[in-house]
Protein backbone atom coordinates (compact mmCIF):
# COMPACT_ATOMS: atom_id res chain seq x y z
CA MET A 1 2.44 -13.70 5.71
CA THR A 2 -0.05 -13.92 2.88
CA ILE A 3 -0.05 -11.52 -0.06
CA PHE A 4 -2.80 -11.93 -2.62
CA ILE A 5 -1.96 -10.31 -5.97
CA GLU A 6 -4.76 -9.86 -8.49
CA GLU A 7 -3.94 -8.65 -11.97
CA GLU A 8 -6.88 -7.00 -13.71
CA VAL A 9 -4.35 -5.98 -16.36
CA LYS A 10 -1.06 -7.62 -17.26
CA PRO A 11 1.70 -5.52 -15.68
CA ASP A 12 4.16 -4.49 -18.40
CA LEU A 13 6.94 -3.72 -15.94
CA ASP A 14 10.63 -4.51 -16.43
CA PHE A 15 11.16 -5.83 -12.89
CA ASP A 16 9.80 -8.66 -10.78
CA TYR A 17 6.75 -6.76 -9.56
CA LYS A 18 5.52 -9.65 -7.40
CA GLN A 19 8.83 -9.87 -5.54
CA ILE A 20 9.07 -6.09 -5.16
CA ALA A 21 5.53 -6.01 -3.72
CA LYS A 22 6.49 -8.69 -1.21
CA ASP A 23 9.72 -6.89 -0.33
CA VAL A 24 8.02 -3.52 0.24
CA ILE A 25 5.11 -5.02 2.19
CA ASN A 26 7.49 -7.06 4.37
CA GLN A 27 9.71 -4.04 4.97
CA ALA A 28 6.74 -1.84 5.89
CA ILE A 29 5.56 -4.48 8.37
CA SER A 30 9.03 -4.71 9.85
CA TYR A 31 9.50 -0.92 9.86
CA VAL A 32 6.41 -0.27 11.99
CA ASP A 33 7.18 -3.32 14.15
CA PHE A 34 3.81 -4.93 13.40
CA PRO A 35 3.57 -7.76 15.95
CA PHE A 36 1.43 -10.24 13.99
CA GLU A 37 1.56 -12.30 10.84
CA ALA A 38 -0.40 -10.37 8.23
CA GLU A 39 -2.56 -10.66 5.16
CA VAL A 40 -2.58 -8.01 2.39
CA SER A 41 -4.40 -7.94 -0.94
CA LEU A 42 -2.89 -6.08 -3.89
CA THR A 43 -4.81 -5.42 -7.10
CA ILE A 44 -3.17 -4.03 -10.22
CA THR A 45 -5.61 -2.36 -12.58
CA ASP A 46 -5.77 0.34 -15.24
CA ALA A 47 -7.11 3.90 -15.19
CA GLU A 48 -10.67 2.83 -15.95
CA GLY A 49 -10.62 0.09 -13.31
CA ILE A 50 -9.42 2.40 -10.55
CA ARG A 51 -11.81 5.15 -11.69
CA VAL A 52 -14.75 2.79 -11.17
CA ILE A 53 -13.50 1.82 -7.68
CA ASN A 54 -12.78 5.45 -6.79
CA LYS A 55 -16.33 6.42 -7.86
CA GLU A 56 -17.91 3.54 -5.94
CA PHE A 57 -16.04 3.96 -2.67
CA ARG A 58 -15.09 7.65 -2.57
CA ASP A 59 -17.68 9.19 -4.91
CA ILE A 60 -14.84 10.66 -6.98
CA ASP A 61 -15.37 9.96 -10.67
CA SER A 62 -11.76 10.06 -11.82
CA PRO A 63 -8.75 7.75 -11.82
CA THR A 64 -6.10 7.99 -9.13
CA ASP A 65 -2.72 6.34 -8.59
CA VAL A 66 -3.49 4.19 -5.55
CA LEU A 67 -6.36 3.38 -3.26
CA SER A 68 -5.99 1.92 0.23
CA PHE A 69 -8.70 0.07 2.08
CA PRO A 70 -7.61 -0.60 5.67
CA MET A 71 -9.50 -3.39 7.39
CA ILE A 72 -8.41 -2.42 10.90
CA ASP A 73 -9.59 0.65 12.79
CA TYR A 74 -6.85 2.31 14.82
CA GLU A 75 -7.35 4.72 17.68
CA THR A 76 -3.78 5.92 17.05
CA ALA A 77 -1.82 5.28 13.86
CA GLY A 78 0.75 2.56 14.35
CA ASP A 79 -0.62 1.50 17.75
CA PHE A 80 -1.27 -2.23 17.50
CA SER A 81 -1.85 -2.86 21.21
CA HIS A 82 -5.63 -3.27 20.90
CA LEU A 83 -5.84 -5.44 17.78
CA GLU A 84 -6.40 -8.68 19.67
CA GLU A 85 -9.48 -7.23 21.36
CA ASN A 86 -11.42 -7.68 18.10
CA ASP A 87 -11.44 -11.13 16.49
CA ASP A 88 -12.63 -9.53 13.23
CA ASN A 89 -9.10 -8.14 12.77
CA PHE A 90 -7.86 -11.67 12.12
CA ASN A 91 -8.46 -14.37 9.54
CA PHE A 92 -9.95 -17.17 11.66
CA GLU A 93 -8.38 -19.85 9.40
CA THR A 94 -4.80 -18.54 9.35
CA GLY A 95 -4.65 -16.34 12.44
CA GLU A 96 -3.15 -13.55 10.33
CA ALA A 97 -4.14 -9.93 10.87
CA ILE A 98 -6.12 -8.73 7.86
CA LEU A 99 -4.44 -5.41 7.07
CA GLY A 100 -6.50 -4.56 4.00
CA ASP A 101 -6.45 -3.95 0.27
CA ILE A 102 -4.20 -1.93 -2.01
CA VAL A 103 -5.31 -1.02 -5.53
CA LEU A 104 -2.62 0.28 -7.91
CA CYS A 105 -3.16 1.96 -11.26
CA LEU A 106 -0.62 0.67 -13.77
CA ASP A 107 -1.25 3.61 -16.11
CA ARG A 108 -0.36 6.05 -13.32
CA ILE A 109 2.77 4.09 -12.39
CA HIS A 110 4.00 4.60 -15.95
CA SER A 111 3.00 8.27 -16.26
CA GLN A 112 4.08 9.39 -12.77
CA ALA A 113 7.49 7.74 -13.08
CA LEU A 114 8.00 9.78 -16.23
CA GLU A 115 6.55 12.94 -14.68
CA TYR A 116 8.67 12.69 -11.51
CA GLY A 117 11.81 11.63 -13.35
CA HIS A 118 12.40 8.32 -11.62
CA SER A 119 12.02 4.65 -12.46
CA GLU A 120 8.76 2.73 -12.66
CA LEU A 121 10.24 0.46 -9.98
CA ARG A 122 10.55 3.43 -7.63
CA GLU A 123 7.01 4.66 -8.36
CA TYR A 124 5.53 1.19 -7.87
CA ALA A 125 7.42 0.63 -4.60
CA PHE A 126 6.55 4.13 -3.37
CA LEU A 127 2.83 3.64 -3.94
CA ILE A 128 2.89 0.32 -2.08
CA ALA A 129 4.85 1.81 0.85
CA HIS A 130 2.44 4.75 0.94
CA SER A 131 -0.56 2.46 0.94
CA MET A 132 0.90 0.16 3.60
CA LEU A 133 1.18 3.14 5.94
CA HIS A 134 -2.52 3.80 5.36
CA LEU A 135 -3.20 0.16 6.28
CA PHE A 136 -1.44 0.87 9.59
CA GLY A 137 -3.66 3.87 10.28
CA PHE A 138 -1.43 6.69 9.06
CA ASP A 139 -2.90 9.50 6.97
CA HIS A 140 -1.90 12.80 5.36
CA MET A 141 -4.90 15.03 5.97
CA THR A 142 -2.81 17.66 7.79
CA GLU A 143 0.69 18.98 7.11
CA ALA A 144 1.98 17.26 10.27
CA GLU A 145 0.47 13.91 9.24
CA ALA A 146 1.83 14.29 5.71
CA SER A 147 5.30 15.02 7.07
CA VAL A 148 5.23 11.86 9.21
CA MET A 149 4.08 9.73 6.28
CA GLU A 150 6.63 11.19 3.88
CA LYS A 151 9.46 10.46 6.32
CA LYS A 152 8.30 6.88 6.91
CA GLN A 153 7.83 6.21 3.17
CA ALA A 154 11.30 7.49 2.39
CA GLU A 155 12.88 5.42 5.17
CA ILE A 156 11.14 2.22 4.05
CA LEU A 157 12.36 2.72 0.48
CA ASP A 158 15.86 3.74 1.63
CA ILE A 159 16.19 0.50 3.61
CA LEU A 160 15.32 -1.40 0.42
CA LYS A 161 17.72 0.80 -1.56
CA ILE A 162 14.90 1.86 -3.89
CA THR A 163 15.79 5.46 -4.47
CA ARG A 164 14.96 8.23 -6.89
CA GLU A 165 17.42 7.89 -9.71
């Protein structure tokens, strides 16, 4: 598996954020039983950086906590049976499935951890787990979809023993 981590800002976090990212990404892949080696890009930026991306790609001129850019189109969330039908789903050099990009806002990790009363580690891991589910085709546009995602996010974090403190 390949994980590219780009730091637009220096993460001032009191844990090994690179290892936690790898752990959460690996656990999400295992959790959904993704059948291929995978490639994921993770960018850590600040409120202004994510605001610019949010404006460019979603036409929303405000910062957010995380953005997910899936590279694979799914007919059904979590159904990987048709991925091999499209060579564009794979990096031709490595053979890895290109899941997509995750953009995290460091400022929001700090503020939301405080707001929700849990650790920055938990907020960081939660946002990555949430985004990984988007990269597998899951969404939360309806109450039913949101319920499925919330359950999966919680289970991924529980397996890693990253809980609300």
